[in-house]
Amino acid sequence: MTKYHYNGRLKPFSRQLRSNMTEAEKLLWSRIRRKQLKGKQFFRQRIIGCYIVDFFCPKDKLVIELDGSQHYTDQGMKKDRARDEFLRSKGLTVLRFPDREVFKNIEGVLEIIFAHLKP
C-alpha cells in the first residue's frame, strides 16, 4: 500500500466521523465495504495529509467524496477545490457525488466508481 502523509492529530476527528456517518455515507458504505466492488478494499474517513476523505481505495488511488449542502456554498466550493488539488498532487483520483445522487441513483454512482477501479 502506498503511504500518504498522515496527520495523527486528526485521528480522534476521523474516529468521530466514522461513528457519525451521514445517511448518504451509510448507504454508499453498505455497497462498497467488504470488497464488494472488484474485490477492492475501501476505507472510510481516511486521513491523507491534512484532510479526512470520505472513502479511499489505496490500491487504485481512488478517493470518493460525498457532498452535502455545505459543499455548495462559495466557501465550501473553495475548500473543495483546494482539497482536490492537494489530493490530485499526490496522484489520487477524486470522485465527488452529491448526497442526493447517492439516494436517487445509487446504481449509477456505483457504476462510475466501478469504472474507475482497475481490473
PDB file of N, CA and C in Angstrom:
ATOM      1  N   MET A   1       0.849  -1.182   0.000  1.00  0.00           N
ATOM      2  CA  MET A   1       0.000   0.000   0.000  1.00  0.00           C
ATOM      3  C   MET A   1       0.887   1.236   0.000  1.00  0.00           C
ATOM      4  N   THR A   2       0.582   2.180  -0.856  1.00  0.00           N
ATOM      5  CA  THR A   2       1.313   3.427  -0.907  1.00  0.00           C
ATOM      6  C   THR A   2       1.042   4.222   0.356  1.00  0.00           C
ATOM      7  N   LYS A   3       2.089   4.816   0.897  1.00  0.00           N
ATOM      8  CA  LYS A   3       1.937   5.617   2.116  1.00  0.00           C
ATOM      9  C   LYS A   3       1.701   7.071   1.742  1.00  0.00           C
ATOM     10  N   TYR A   4       0.792   7.697   2.443  1.00  0.00           N
ATOM     11  CA  TYR A   4       0.497   9.111   2.271  1.00  0.00           C
ATOM     12  C   TYR A   4       0.734   9.779   3.613  1.00  0.00           C
ATOM     13  N   HIS A   5       1.123  11.029   3.576  1.00  0.00           N
ATOM     14  CA  HIS A   5       1.360  11.761   4.819  1.00  0.00           C
ATOM     15  C   HIS A   5       0.162  11.585   5.756  1.00  0.00           C
ATOM     16  N   TYR A   6       0.456  11.293   6.990  1.00  0.00           N
ATOM     17  CA  TYR A   6      -0.587  11.018   7.982  1.00  0.00           C
ATOM     18  C   TYR A   6      -0.483  12.039   9.102  1.00  0.00           C
ATOM     19  N   ASN A   7      -1.541  12.796   9.316  1.00  0.00           N
ATOM     20  CA  ASN A   7      -1.585  13.778  10.388  1.00  0.00           C
ATOM     21  C   ASN A   7      -2.295  13.144  11.577  1.00  0.00           C
ATOM     22  N   GLY A   8      -1.523  12.652  12.528  1.00  0.00           N
ATOM     23  CA  GLY A   8      -2.067  11.937  13.682  1.00  0.00           C
ATOM     24  C   GLY A   8      -3.008  12.762  14.538  1.00  0.00           C
ATOM     25  N   ARG A   9      -2.892  14.080  14.467  1.00  0.00           N
ATOM     26  CA  ARG A   9      -3.791  14.930  15.260  1.00  0.00           C
ATOM     27  C   ARG A   9      -5.238  14.822  14.777  1.00  0.00           C
ATOM     28  N   LEU A  10      -5.429  14.336  13.554  1.00  0.00           N
ATOM     29  CA  LEU A  10      -6.785  14.196  13.009  1.00  0.00           C
ATOM     30  C   LEU A  10      -7.453  12.875  13.396  1.00  0.00           C
ATOM     31  N   LYS A  11      -6.702  11.972  14.019  1.00  0.00           N
ATOM     32  CA  LYS A  11      -7.244  10.644  14.316  1.00  0.00           C
ATOM     33  C   LYS A  11      -8.520  10.676  15.154  1.00  0.00           C
ATOM     34  N   PRO A  12      -8.581  11.456  16.240  1.00  0.00           N
ATOM     35  CA  PRO A  12      -9.841  11.484  17.010  1.00  0.00           C
ATOM     36  C   PRO A  12     -11.024  11.991  16.172  1.00  0.00           C
ATOM     37  N   PHE A  13     -10.779  12.983  15.335  1.00  0.00           N
ATOM     38  CA  PHE A  13     -11.851  13.518  14.489  1.00  0.00           C
ATOM     39  C   PHE A  13     -12.274  12.481  13.451  1.00  0.00           C
ATOM     40  N   SER A  14     -11.311  11.760  12.900  1.00  0.00           N
ATOM     41  CA  SER A  14     -11.612  10.705  11.929  1.00  0.00           C
ATOM     42  C   SER A  14     -12.485   9.625  12.567  1.00  0.00           C
ATOM     43  N   ARG A  15     -12.147   9.236  13.784  1.00  0.00           N
ATOM     44  CA  ARG A  15     -12.948   8.232  14.501  1.00  0.00           C
ATOM     45  C   ARG A  15     -14.361   8.741  14.749  1.00  0.00           C
ATOM     46  N   GLN A  16     -14.455  10.015  15.118  1.00  0.00           N
ATOM     47  CA  GLN A  16     -15.772  10.610  15.364  1.00  0.00           C
ATOM     48  C   GLN A  16     -16.617  10.592  14.095  1.00  0.00           C
ATOM     49  N   LEU A  17     -15.996  10.915  12.952  1.00  0.00           N
ATOM     50  CA  LEU A  17     -16.727  10.907  11.681  1.00  0.00           C
ATOM     51  C   LEU A  17     -17.197   9.499  11.319  1.00  0.00           C
ATOM     52  N   ARG A  18     -16.370   8.492  11.606  1.00  0.00           N
ATOM     53  CA  ARG A  18     -16.784   7.102  11.336  1.00  0.00           C
ATOM     54  C   ARG A  18     -17.976   6.714  12.198  1.00  0.00           C
ATOM     55  N   SER A  19     -18.016   7.226  13.404  1.00  0.00           N
ATOM     56  CA  SER A  19     -19.118   6.903  14.321  1.00  0.00           C
ATOM     57  C   SER A  19     -20.403   7.654  13.982  1.00  0.00           C
ATOM     58  N   ASN A  20     -20.273   8.763  13.273  1.00  0.00           N
ATOM     59  CA  ASN A  20     -21.432   9.615  12.974  1.00  0.00           C
ATOM     60  C   ASN A  20     -21.574   9.841  11.467  1.00  0.00           C
ATOM     61  N   MET A  21     -21.590   8.775  10.713  1.00  0.00           N
ATOM     62  CA  MET A  21     -21.688   8.886   9.257  1.00  0.00           C
ATOM     63  C   MET A  21     -23.044   9.470   8.863  1.00  0.00           C
ATOM     64  N   THR A  22     -23.041  10.209   7.748  1.00  0.00           N
ATOM     65  CA  THR A  22     -24.302  10.719   7.221  1.00  0.00           C
ATOM     66  C   THR A  22     -25.083   9.552   6.614  1.00  0.00           C
ATOM     67  N   GLU A  23     -26.361   9.777   6.353  1.00  0.00           N
ATOM     68  CA  GLU A  23     -27.183   8.713   5.753  1.00  0.00           C
ATOM     69  C   GLU A  23     -26.651   8.330   4.370  1.00  0.00           C
ATOM     70  N   ALA A  24     -26.192   9.313   3.613  1.00  0.00           N
ATOM     71  CA  ALA A  24     -25.631   9.027   2.287  1.00  0.00           C
ATOM     72  C   ALA A  24     -24.364   8.182   2.412  1.00  0.00           C
ATOM     73  N   GLU A  25     -23.511   8.526   3.378  1.00  0.00           N
ATOM     74  CA  GLU A  25     -22.291   7.748   3.589  1.00  0.00           C
ATOM     75  C   GLU A  25     -22.625   6.315   3.999  1.00  0.00           C
ATOM     76  N   LYS A  26     -23.608   6.159   4.874  1.00  0.00           N
ATOM     77  CA  LYS A  26     -24.010   4.816   5.307  1.00  0.00           C
ATOM     78  C   LYS A  26     -24.484   3.978   4.123  1.00  0.00           C
ATOM     79  N   LEU A  27     -25.280   4.599   3.250  1.00  0.00           N
ATOM     80  CA  LEU A  27     -25.798   3.871   2.092  1.00  0.00           C
ATOM     81  C   LEU A  27     -24.667   3.437   1.158  1.00  0.00           C
ATOM     82  N   LEU A  28     -23.787   4.366   0.820  1.00  0.00           N
ATOM     83  CA  LEU A  28     -22.681   4.002  -0.074  1.00  0.00           C
ATOM     84  C   LEU A  28     -21.759   2.986   0.591  1.00  0.00           C
ATOM     85  N   TRP A  29     -21.448   3.183   1.857  1.00  0.00           N
ATOM     86  CA  TRP A  29     -20.577   2.254   2.577  1.00  0.00           C
ATOM     87  C   TRP A  29     -21.152   0.838   2.561  1.00  0.00           C
ATOM     88  N   SER A  30     -22.464   0.724   2.675  1.00  0.00           N
ATOM     89  CA  SER A  30     -23.083  -0.606   2.666  1.00  0.00           C
ATOM     90  C   SER A  30     -22.874  -1.327   1.340  1.00  0.00           C
ATOM     91  N   ARG A  31     -22.558  -0.574   0.290  1.00  0.00           N
ATOM     92  CA  ARG A  31     -22.395  -1.162  -1.052  1.00  0.00           C
ATOM     93  C   ARG A  31     -20.936  -1.318  -1.480  1.00  0.00           C
ATOM     94  N   ILE A  32     -19.994  -0.670  -0.768  1.00  0.00           N
ATOM     95  CA  ILE A  32     -18.588  -0.781  -1.191  1.00  0.00           C
ATOM     96  C   ILE A  32     -17.715  -1.479  -0.150  1.00  0.00           C
ATOM     97  N   ARG A  33     -18.220  -1.667   1.054  1.00  0.00           N
ATOM     98  CA  ARG A  33     -17.408  -2.304   2.093  1.00  0.00           C
ATOM     99  C   ARG A  33     -17.228  -3.794   1.797  1.00  0.00           C
ATOM    100  N   ARG A  34     -16.308  -4.403   2.507  1.00  0.00           N
ATOM    101  CA  ARG A  34     -16.047  -5.841   2.382  1.00  0.00           C
ATOM    102  C   ARG A  34     -15.732  -6.268   0.952  1.00  0.00           C
ATOM    103  N   LYS A  35     -15.019  -5.425   0.246  1.00  0.00           N
ATOM    104  CA  LYS A  35     -14.502  -5.750  -1.098  1.00  0.00           C
ATOM    105  C   LYS A  35     -15.603  -6.146  -2.076  1.00  0.00           C
ATOM    106  N   GLN A  36     -16.760  -5.451  -2.012  1.00  0.00           N
ATOM    107  CA  GLN A  36     -17.881  -5.786  -2.881  1.00  0.00           C
ATOM    108  C   GLN A  36     -17.682  -5.344  -4.330  1.00  0.00           C
ATOM    109  N   LEU A  37     -16.825  -4.346  -4.562  1.00  0.00           N
ATOM    110  CA  LEU A  37     -16.589  -3.862  -5.928  1.00  0.00           C
ATOM    111  C   LEU A  37     -15.226  -4.333  -6.410  1.00  0.00           C
ATOM    112  N   LYS A  38     -15.213  -5.248  -7.371  1.00  0.00           N
ATOM    113  CA  LYS A  38     -13.990  -5.774  -7.969  1.00  0.00           C
ATOM    114  C   LYS A  38     -12.986  -6.286  -6.944  1.00  0.00           C
ATOM    115  N   GLY A  39     -13.472  -6.682  -5.780  1.00  0.00           N
ATOM    116  CA  GLY A  39     -12.583  -7.195  -4.740  1.00  0.00           C
ATOM    117  C   GLY A  39     -11.670  -6.142  -4.133  1.00  0.00           C
ATOM    118  N   LYS A  40     -12.016  -4.859  -4.281  1.00  0.00           N
ATOM    119  CA  LYS A  40     -11.166  -3.766  -3.804  1.00  0.00           C
ATOM    120  C   LYS A  40     -11.543  -3.351  -2.385  1.00  0.00           C
ATOM    121  N   GLN A  41     -10.529  -3.108  -1.577  1.00  0.00           N
ATOM    122  CA  GLN A  41     -10.710  -2.682  -0.193  1.00  0.00           C
ATOM    123  C   GLN A  41     -10.874  -1.165  -0.141  1.00  0.00           C
ATOM    124  N   PHE A  42     -11.938  -0.707   0.468  1.00  0.00           N
ATOM    125  CA  PHE A  42     -12.169   0.718   0.712  1.00  0.00           C
ATOM    126  C   PHE A  42     -12.075   0.974   2.208  1.00  0.00           C
ATOM    127  N   PHE A  43     -11.612   2.157   2.541  1.00  0.00           N
ATOM    128  CA  PHE A  43     -11.575   2.612   3.928  1.00  0.00           C
ATOM    129  C   PHE A  43     -12.443   3.850   4.027  1.00  0.00           C
ATOM    130  N   ARG A  44     -13.024   4.075   5.182  1.00  0.00           N
ATOM    131  CA  ARG A  44     -13.855   5.270   5.357  1.00  0.00           C
ATOM    132  C   ARG A  44     -13.173   6.230   6.308  1.00  0.00           C
ATOM    133  N   GLN A  45     -13.412   7.518   6.066  1.00  0.00           N
ATOM    134  CA  GLN A  45     -12.848   8.591   6.873  1.00  0.00           C
ATOM    135  C   GLN A  45     -11.348   8.406   7.069  1.00  0.00           C
ATOM    136  N   ARG A  46     -10.651   8.313   5.937  1.00  0.00           N
ATOM    137  CA  ARG A  46      -9.210   8.080   5.918  1.00  0.00           C
ATOM    138  C   ARG A  46      -8.464   9.409   5.918  1.00  0.00           C
ATOM    139  N   ILE A  47      -7.405   9.487   6.721  1.00  0.00           N
ATOM    140  CA  ILE A  47      -6.578  10.693   6.794  1.00  0.00           C
ATOM    141  C   ILE A  47      -5.532  10.653   5.688  1.00  0.00           C
ATOM    142  N   ILE A  48      -5.527  11.701   4.873  1.00  0.00           N
ATOM    143  CA  ILE A  48      -4.499  11.879   3.844  1.00  0.00           C
ATOM    144  C   ILE A  48      -4.029  13.323   3.956  1.00  0.00           C
ATOM    145  N   GLY A  49      -2.789  13.493   4.382  1.00  0.00           N
ATOM    146  CA  GLY A  49      -2.284  14.839   4.607  1.00  0.00           C
ATOM    147  C   GLY A  49      -3.063  15.496   5.726  1.00  0.00           C
ATOM    148  N   CYS A  50      -3.528  16.705   5.472  1.00  0.00           N
ATOM    149  CA  CYS A  50      -4.305  17.435   6.492  1.00  0.00           C
ATOM    150  C   CYS A  50      -5.808  17.315   6.230  1.00  0.00           C
ATOM    151  N   TYR A  51      -6.196  16.303   5.460  1.00  0.00           N
ATOM    152  CA  TYR A  51      -7.603  16.107   5.119  1.00  0.00           C
ATOM    153  C   TYR A  51      -8.075  14.731   5.568  1.00  0.00           C
ATOM    154  N   ILE A  52      -9.377  14.634   5.787  1.00  0.00           N
ATOM    155  CA  ILE A  52     -10.019  13.348   6.027  1.00  0.00           C
ATOM    156  C   ILE A  52     -10.973  13.138   4.859  1.00  0.00           C
ATOM    157  N   VAL A  53     -10.705  12.100   4.070  1.00  0.00           N
ATOM    158  CA  VAL A  53     -11.552  11.833   2.909  1.00  0.00           C
ATOM    159  C   VAL A  53     -12.651  10.858   3.309  1.00  0.00           C
ATOM    160  N   ASP A  54     -13.794  10.943   2.634  1.00  0.00           N
ATOM    161  CA  ASP A  54     -14.924  10.082   2.983  1.00  0.00           C
ATOM    162  C   ASP A  54     -14.598   8.609   2.776  1.00  0.00           C
ATOM    163  N   PHE A  55     -14.129   8.256   1.571  1.00  0.00           N
ATOM    164  CA  PHE A  55     -13.798   6.870   1.262  1.00  0.00           C
ATOM    165  C   PHE A  55     -12.518   6.843   0.435  1.00  0.00           C
ATOM    166  N   PHE A  56     -11.704   5.802   0.638  1.00  0.00           N
ATOM    167  CA  PHE A  56     -10.418   5.720  -0.045  1.00  0.00           C
ATOM    168  C   PHE A  56     -10.111   4.275  -0.389  1.00  0.00           C
ATOM    169  N   CYS A  57      -9.741   4.054  -1.656  1.00  0.00           N
ATOM    170  CA  CYS A  57      -9.257   2.755  -2.118  1.00  0.00           C
ATOM    171  C   CYS A  57      -7.780   2.945  -2.456  1.00  0.00           C
ATOM    172  N   PRO A  58      -6.873   2.601  -1.525  1.00  0.00           N
ATOM    173  CA  PRO A  58      -5.456   2.853  -1.760  1.00  0.00           C
ATOM    174  C   PRO A  58      -4.879   2.096  -2.947  1.00  0.00           C
ATOM    175  N   LYS A  59      -5.359   0.893  -3.186  1.00  0.00           N
ATOM    176  CA  LYS A  59      -4.815   0.085  -4.279  1.00  0.00           C
ATOM    177  C   LYS A  59      -4.983   0.783  -5.631  1.00  0.00           C
ATOM    178  N   ASP A  60      -6.107   1.475  -5.810  1.00  0.00           N
ATOM    179  CA  ASP A  60      -6.372   2.173  -7.071  1.00  0.00           C
ATOM    180  C   ASP A  60      -6.237   3.689  -6.953  1.00  0.00           C
ATOM    181  N   LYS A  61      -5.757   4.153  -5.798  1.00  0.00           N
ATOM    182  CA  LYS A  61      -5.537   5.581  -5.569  1.00  0.00           C
ATOM    183  C   LYS A  61      -6.803   6.394  -5.853  1.00  0.00           C
ATOM    184  N   LEU A  62      -7.930   5.894  -5.345  1.00  0.00           N
ATOM    185  CA  LEU A  62      -9.233   6.491  -5.617  1.00  0.00           C
ATOM    186  C   LEU A  62      -9.858   7.030  -4.334  1.00  0.00           C
ATOM    187  N   VAL A  63     -10.219   8.305  -4.378  1.00  0.00           N
ATOM    188  CA  VAL A  63     -10.904   8.974  -3.275  1.00  0.00           C
ATOM    189  C   VAL A  63     -12.336   9.237  -3.706  1.00  0.00           C
ATOM    190  N   ILE A  64     -13.292   8.961  -2.826  1.00  0.00           N
ATOM    191  CA  ILE A  64     -14.696   9.248  -3.095  1.00  0.00           C
ATOM    192  C   ILE A  64     -15.180  10.217  -2.026  1.00  0.00           C
ATOM    193  N   GLU A  65     -15.733  11.324  -2.475  1.00  0.00           N
ATOM    194  CA  GLU A  65     -16.270  12.340  -1.578  1.00  0.00           C
ATOM    195  C   GLU A  65     -17.763  12.485  -1.831  1.00  0.00           C
ATOM    196  N   LEU A  66     -18.540  12.525  -0.755  1.00  0.00           N
ATOM    197  CA  LEU A  66     -19.971  12.773  -0.856  1.00  0.00           C
ATOM    198  C   LEU A  66     -20.236  14.185  -0.354  1.00  0.00           C
ATOM    199  N   ASP A  67     -20.939  14.951  -1.148  1.00  0.00           N
ATOM    200  CA  ASP A  67     -21.132  16.368  -0.867  1.00  0.00           C
ATOM    201  C   ASP A  67     -22.543  16.687  -0.418  1.00  0.00           C
ATOM    202  N   GLY A  68     -22.657  17.151   0.831  1.00  0.00           N
ATOM    203  CA  GLY A  68     -23.914  17.669   1.344  1.00  0.00           C
ATOM    204  C   GLY A  68     -24.025  19.140   0.994  1.00  0.00           C
ATOM    205  N   SER A  69     -25.040  19.790   1.505  1.00  0.00           N
ATOM    206  CA  SER A  69     -25.345  21.175   1.134  1.00  0.00           C
ATOM    207  C   SER A  69     -24.217  22.146   1.444  1.00  0.00           C
ATOM    208  N   GLN A  70     -23.431  21.903   2.498  1.00  0.00           N
ATOM    209  CA  GLN A  70     -22.356  22.824   2.857  1.00  0.00           C
ATOM    210  C   GLN A  70     -21.283  22.920   1.770  1.00  0.00           C
ATOM    211  N   HIS A  71     -21.214  21.937   0.904  1.00  0.00           N
ATOM    212  CA  HIS A  71     -20.212  21.943  -0.167  1.00  0.00           C
ATOM    213  C   HIS A  71     -20.588  22.872  -1.319  1.00  0.00           C
ATOM    214  N   TYR A  72     -21.805  23.354  -1.331  1.00  0.00           N
ATOM    215  CA  TYR A  72     -22.264  24.182  -2.452  1.00  0.00           C
ATOM    216  C   TYR A  72     -22.290  25.670  -2.130  1.00  0.00           C
ATOM    217  N   THR A  73     -21.739  26.042  -0.971  1.00  0.00           N
ATOM    218  CA  THR A  73     -21.557  27.456  -0.663  1.00  0.00           C
ATOM    219  C   THR A  73     -20.258  27.907  -1.319  1.00  0.00           C
ATOM    220  N   ASP A  74     -20.063  29.207  -1.449  1.00  0.00           N
ATOM    221  CA  ASP A  74     -18.809  29.710  -2.032  1.00  0.00           C
ATOM    222  C   ASP A  74     -17.607  29.208  -1.240  1.00  0.00           C
ATOM    223  N   GLN A  75     -17.696  29.291   0.089  1.00  0.00           N
ATOM    224  CA  GLN A  75     -16.600  28.846   0.942  1.00  0.00           C
ATOM    225  C   GLN A  75     -16.380  27.334   0.805  1.00  0.00           C
ATOM    226  N   GLY A  76     -17.458  26.569   0.767  1.00  0.00           N
ATOM    227  CA  GLY A  76     -17.350  25.120   0.626  1.00  0.00           C
ATOM    228  C   GLY A  76     -16.716  24.712  -0.688  1.00  0.00           C
ATOM    229  N   MET A  77     -17.109  25.366  -1.775  1.00  0.00           N
ATOM    230  CA  MET A  77     -16.531  25.041  -3.083  1.00  0.00           C
ATOM    231  C   MET A  77     -15.052  25.403  -3.137  1.00  0.00           C
ATOM    232  N   LYS A  78     -14.680  26.511  -2.496  1.00  0.00           N
ATOM    233  CA  LYS A  78     -13.280  26.926  -2.461  1.00  0.00           C
ATOM    234  C   LYS A  78     -12.442  25.894  -1.698  1.00  0.00           C
ATOM    235  N   LYS A  79     -12.948  25.445  -0.554  1.00  0.00           N
ATOM    236  CA  LYS A  79     -12.244  24.434   0.235  1.00  0.00           C
ATOM    237  C   LYS A  79     -12.114  23.123  -0.545  1.00  0.00           C
ATOM    238  N   ASP A  80     -13.191  22.743  -1.235  1.00  0.00           N
ATOM    239  CA  ASP A  80     -13.162  21.501  -2.009  1.00  0.00           C
ATOM    240  C   ASP A  80     -12.142  21.573  -3.141  1.00  0.00           C
ATOM    241  N   ARG A  81     -12.043  22.726  -3.793  1.00  0.00           N
ATOM    242  CA  ARG A  81     -11.047  22.881  -4.871  1.00  0.00           C
ATOM    243  C   ARG A  81      -9.634  22.700  -4.326  1.00  0.00           C
ATOM    244  N   ALA A  82      -9.354  23.315  -3.178  1.00  0.00           N
ATOM    245  CA  ALA A  82      -8.026  23.197  -2.564  1.00  0.00           C
ATOM    246  C   ALA A  82      -7.748  21.744  -2.154  1.00  0.00           C
ATOM    247  N   ARG A  83      -8.740  21.096  -1.575  1.00  0.00           N
ATOM    248  CA  ARG A  83      -8.600  19.697  -1.163  1.00  0.00           C
ATOM    249  C   ARG A  83      -8.333  18.807  -2.374  1.00  0.00           C
ATOM    250  N   ASP A  84      -9.145  18.986  -3.425  1.00  0.00           N
ATOM    251  CA  ASP A  84      -8.984  18.165  -4.624  1.00  0.00           C
ATOM    252  C   ASP A  84      -7.621  18.385  -5.274  1.00  0.00           C
ATOM    253  N   GLU A  85      -7.160  19.632  -5.303  1.00  0.00           N
ATOM    254  CA  GLU A  85      -5.837  19.938  -5.865  1.00  0.00           C
ATOM    255  C   GLU A  85      -4.754  19.203  -5.097  1.00  0.00           C
ATOM    256  N   PHE A  86      -4.831  19.258  -3.774  1.00  0.00           N
ATOM    257  CA  PHE A  86      -3.847  18.571  -2.939  1.00  0.00           C
ATOM    258  C   PHE A  86      -3.871  17.069  -3.214  1.00  0.00           C
ATOM    259  N   LEU A  87      -5.046  16.478  -3.208  1.00  0.00           N
ATOM    260  CA  LEU A  87      -5.160  15.032  -3.411  1.00  0.00           C
ATOM    261  C   LEU A  87      -4.655  14.625  -4.792  1.00  0.00           C
ATOM    262  N   ARG A  88      -4.996  15.399  -5.803  1.00  0.00           N
ATOM    263  CA  ARG A  88      -4.507  15.093  -7.156  1.00  0.00           C
ATOM    264  C   ARG A  88      -2.993  15.236  -7.246  1.00  0.00           C
ATOM    265  N   SER A  89      -2.429  16.179  -6.488  1.00  0.00           N
ATOM    266  CA  SER A  89      -0.970  16.350  -6.492  1.00  0.00           C
ATOM    267  C   SER A  89      -0.271  15.126  -5.903  1.00  0.00           C
ATOM    268  N   LYS A  90      -0.996  14.330  -5.152  1.00  0.00           N
ATOM    269  CA  LYS A  90      -0.471  13.089  -4.582  1.00  0.00           C
ATOM    270  C   LYS A  90      -0.736  11.895  -5.497  1.00  0.00           C
ATOM    271  N   GLY A  91      -1.247  12.165  -6.700  1.00  0.00           N
ATOM    272  CA  GLY A  91      -1.502  11.096  -7.661  1.00  0.00           C
ATOM    273  C   GLY A  91      -2.824  10.381  -7.471  1.00  0.00           C
ATOM    274  N   LEU A  92      -3.729  10.988  -6.723  1.00  0.00           N
ATOM    275  CA  LEU A  92      -5.019  10.359  -6.446  1.00  0.00           C
ATOM    276  C   LEU A  92      -6.088  10.873  -7.403  1.00  0.00           C
ATOM    277  N   THR A  93      -7.047  10.023  -7.695  1.00  0.00           N
ATOM    278  CA  THR A  93      -8.232  10.403  -8.455  1.00  0.00           C
ATOM    279  C   THR A  93      -9.333  10.709  -7.448  1.00  0.00           C
ATOM    280  N   VAL A  94     -10.026  11.815  -7.659  1.00  0.00           N
ATOM    281  CA  VAL A  94     -11.093  12.213  -6.739  1.00  0.00           C
ATOM    282  C   VAL A  94     -12.432  12.183  -7.482  1.00  0.00           C
ATOM    283  N   LEU A  95     -13.363  11.417  -6.953  1.00  0.00           N
ATOM    284  CA  LEU A  95     -14.737  11.389  -7.470  1.00  0.00           C
ATOM    285  C   LEU A  95     -15.633  12.046  -6.439  1.00  0.00           C
ATOM    286  N   ARG A  96     -16.461  12.988  -6.890  1.00  0.00           N
ATOM    287  CA  ARG A  96     -17.404  13.668  -5.994  1.00  0.00           C
ATOM    288  C   ARG A  96     -18.827  13.380  -6.440  1.00  0.00           C
ATOM    289  N   PHE A  97     -19.673  13.093  -5.458  1.00  0.00           N
ATOM    290  CA  PHE A  97     -21.084  12.850  -5.728  1.00  0.00           C
ATOM    291  C   PHE A  97     -21.925  13.639  -4.733  1.00  0.00           C
ATOM    292  N   PRO A  98     -22.969  14.302  -5.222  1.00  0.00           N
ATOM    293  CA  PRO A  98     -23.899  14.944  -4.283  1.00  0.00           C
ATOM    294  C   PRO A  98     -24.633  13.864  -3.477  1.00  0.00           C
ATOM    295  N   ASP A  99     -24.914  14.154  -2.216  1.00  0.00           N
ATOM    296  CA  ASP A  99     -25.669  13.208  -1.386  1.00  0.00           C
ATOM    297  C   ASP A  99     -26.947  12.763  -2.081  1.00  0.00           C
ATOM    298  N   ARG A 100     -27.657  13.715  -2.676  1.00  0.00           N
ATOM    299  CA  ARG A 100     -28.944  13.384  -3.298  1.00  0.00           C
ATOM    300  C   ARG A 100     -28.780  12.373  -4.442  1.00  0.00           C
ATOM    301  N   GLU A 101     -27.628  12.399  -5.122  1.00  0.00           N
ATOM    302  CA  GLU A 101     -27.378  11.431  -6.195  1.00  0.00           C
ATOM    303  C   GLU A 101     -27.231  10.020  -5.617  1.00  0.00           C
ATOM    304  N   VAL A 102     -26.617   9.924  -4.462  1.00  0.00           N
ATOM    305  CA  VAL A 102     -26.462   8.621  -3.801  1.00  0.00           C
ATOM    306  C   VAL A 102     -27.842   8.049  -3.477  1.00  0.00           C
ATOM    307  N   PHE A 103     -28.741   8.896  -2.991  1.00  0.00           N
ATOM    308  CA  PHE A 103     -30.082   8.432  -2.634  1.00  0.00           C
ATOM    309  C   PHE A 103     -30.938   8.115  -3.867  1.00  0.00           C
ATOM    310  N   LYS A 104     -30.833   8.949  -4.896  1.00  0.00           N
ATOM    311  CA  LYS A 104     -31.706   8.803  -6.067  1.00  0.00           C
ATOM    312  C   LYS A 104     -31.179   7.795  -7.085  1.00  0.00           C
ATOM    313  N   ASN A 105     -29.854   7.601  -7.138  1.00  0.00           N
ATOM    314  CA  ASN A 105     -29.270   6.806  -8.207  1.00  0.00           C
ATOM    315  C   ASN A 105     -28.034   6.047  -7.717  1.00  0.00           C
ATOM    316  N   ILE A 106     -28.175   5.255  -6.675  1.00  0.00           N
ATOM    317  CA  ILE A 106     -27.022   4.537  -6.114  1.00  0.00           C
ATOM    318  C   ILE A 106     -26.372   3.621  -7.145  1.00  0.00           C
ATOM    319  N   GLU A 107     -27.176   3.008  -7.991  1.00  0.00           N
ATOM    320  CA  GLU A 107     -26.602   2.107  -9.006  1.00  0.00           C
ATOM    321  C   GLU A 107     -25.728   2.881  -9.996  1.00  0.00           C
ATOM    322  N   GLY A 108     -26.159   4.076 -10.379  1.00  0.00           N
ATOM    323  CA  GLY A 108     -25.355   4.912 -11.271  1.00  0.00           C
ATOM    324  C   GLY A 108     -24.054   5.349 -10.623  1.00  0.00           C
ATOM    325  N   VAL A 109     -24.112   5.694  -9.340  1.00  0.00           N
ATOM    326  CA  VAL A 109     -22.911   6.069  -8.586  1.00  0.00           C
ATOM    327  C   VAL A 109     -21.949   4.886  -8.544  1.00  0.00           C
ATOM    328  N   LEU A 110     -22.464   3.707  -8.253  1.00  0.00           N
ATOM    329  CA  LEU A 110     -21.621   2.510  -8.186  1.00  0.00           C
ATOM    330  C   LEU A 110     -21.000   2.195  -9.544  1.00  0.00           C
ATOM    331  N   GLU A 111     -21.730   2.409 -10.624  1.00  0.00           N
ATOM    332  CA  GLU A 111     -21.181   2.181 -11.968  1.00  0.00           C
ATOM    333  C   GLU A 111     -19.991   3.089 -12.242  1.00  0.00           C
ATOM    334  N   ILE A 112     -20.098   4.351 -11.844  1.00  0.00           N
ATOM    335  CA  ILE A 112     -18.993   5.298 -12.053  1.00  0.00           C
ATOM    336  C   ILE A 112     -17.778   4.884 -11.223  1.00  0.00           C
ATOM    337  N   ILE A 113     -18.004   4.518  -9.976  1.00  0.00           N
ATOM    338  CA  ILE A 113     -16.897   4.065  -9.126  1.00  0.00           C
ATOM    339  C   ILE A 113     -16.271   2.818  -9.734  1.00  0.00           C
ATOM    340  N   PHE A 114     -17.102   1.867 -10.132  1.00  0.00           N
ATOM    341  CA  PHE A 114     -16.643   0.611 -10.731  1.00  0.00           C
ATOM    342  C   PHE A 114     -15.744   0.882 -11.935  1.00  0.00           C
ATOM    343  N   ALA A 115     -16.143   1.848 -12.765  1.00  0.00           N
ATOM    344  CA  ALA A 115     -15.390   2.179 -13.982  1.00  0.00           C
ATOM    345  C   ALA A 115     -14.011   2.756 -13.653  1.00  0.00           C
ATOM    346  N   HIS A 116     -13.840   3.320 -12.458  1.00  0.00           N
ATOM    347  CA  HIS A 116     -12.553   3.897 -12.076  1.00  0.00           C
ATOM    348  C   HIS A 116     -11.640   2.908 -11.342  1.00  0.00           C
ATOM    349  N   LEU A 117     -12.124   1.700 -11.099  1.00  0.00           N
ATOM    350  CA  LEU A 117     -11.328   0.694 -10.442  1.00  0.00           C
ATOM    351  C   LEU A 117     -10.608  -0.153 -11.487  1.00  0.00           C
ATOM    352  N   LYS A 118      -9.348  -0.433 -11.218  1.00  0.00           N
ATOM    353  CA  LYS A 118      -8.568  -1.247 -12.151  1.00  0.00           C
ATOM    354  C   LYS A 118      -9.035  -2.692 -12.073  1.00  0.00           C
ATOM    355  N   PRO A 119      -8.854  -3.437 -13.177  1.00  0.00           N
ATOM    356  CA  PRO A 119      -9.278  -4.856 -13.165  1.00  0.00           C
ATOM    357  C   PRO A 119      -8.496  -5.689 -12.150  1.00  0.00           C
TER     358      PRO A 119
END
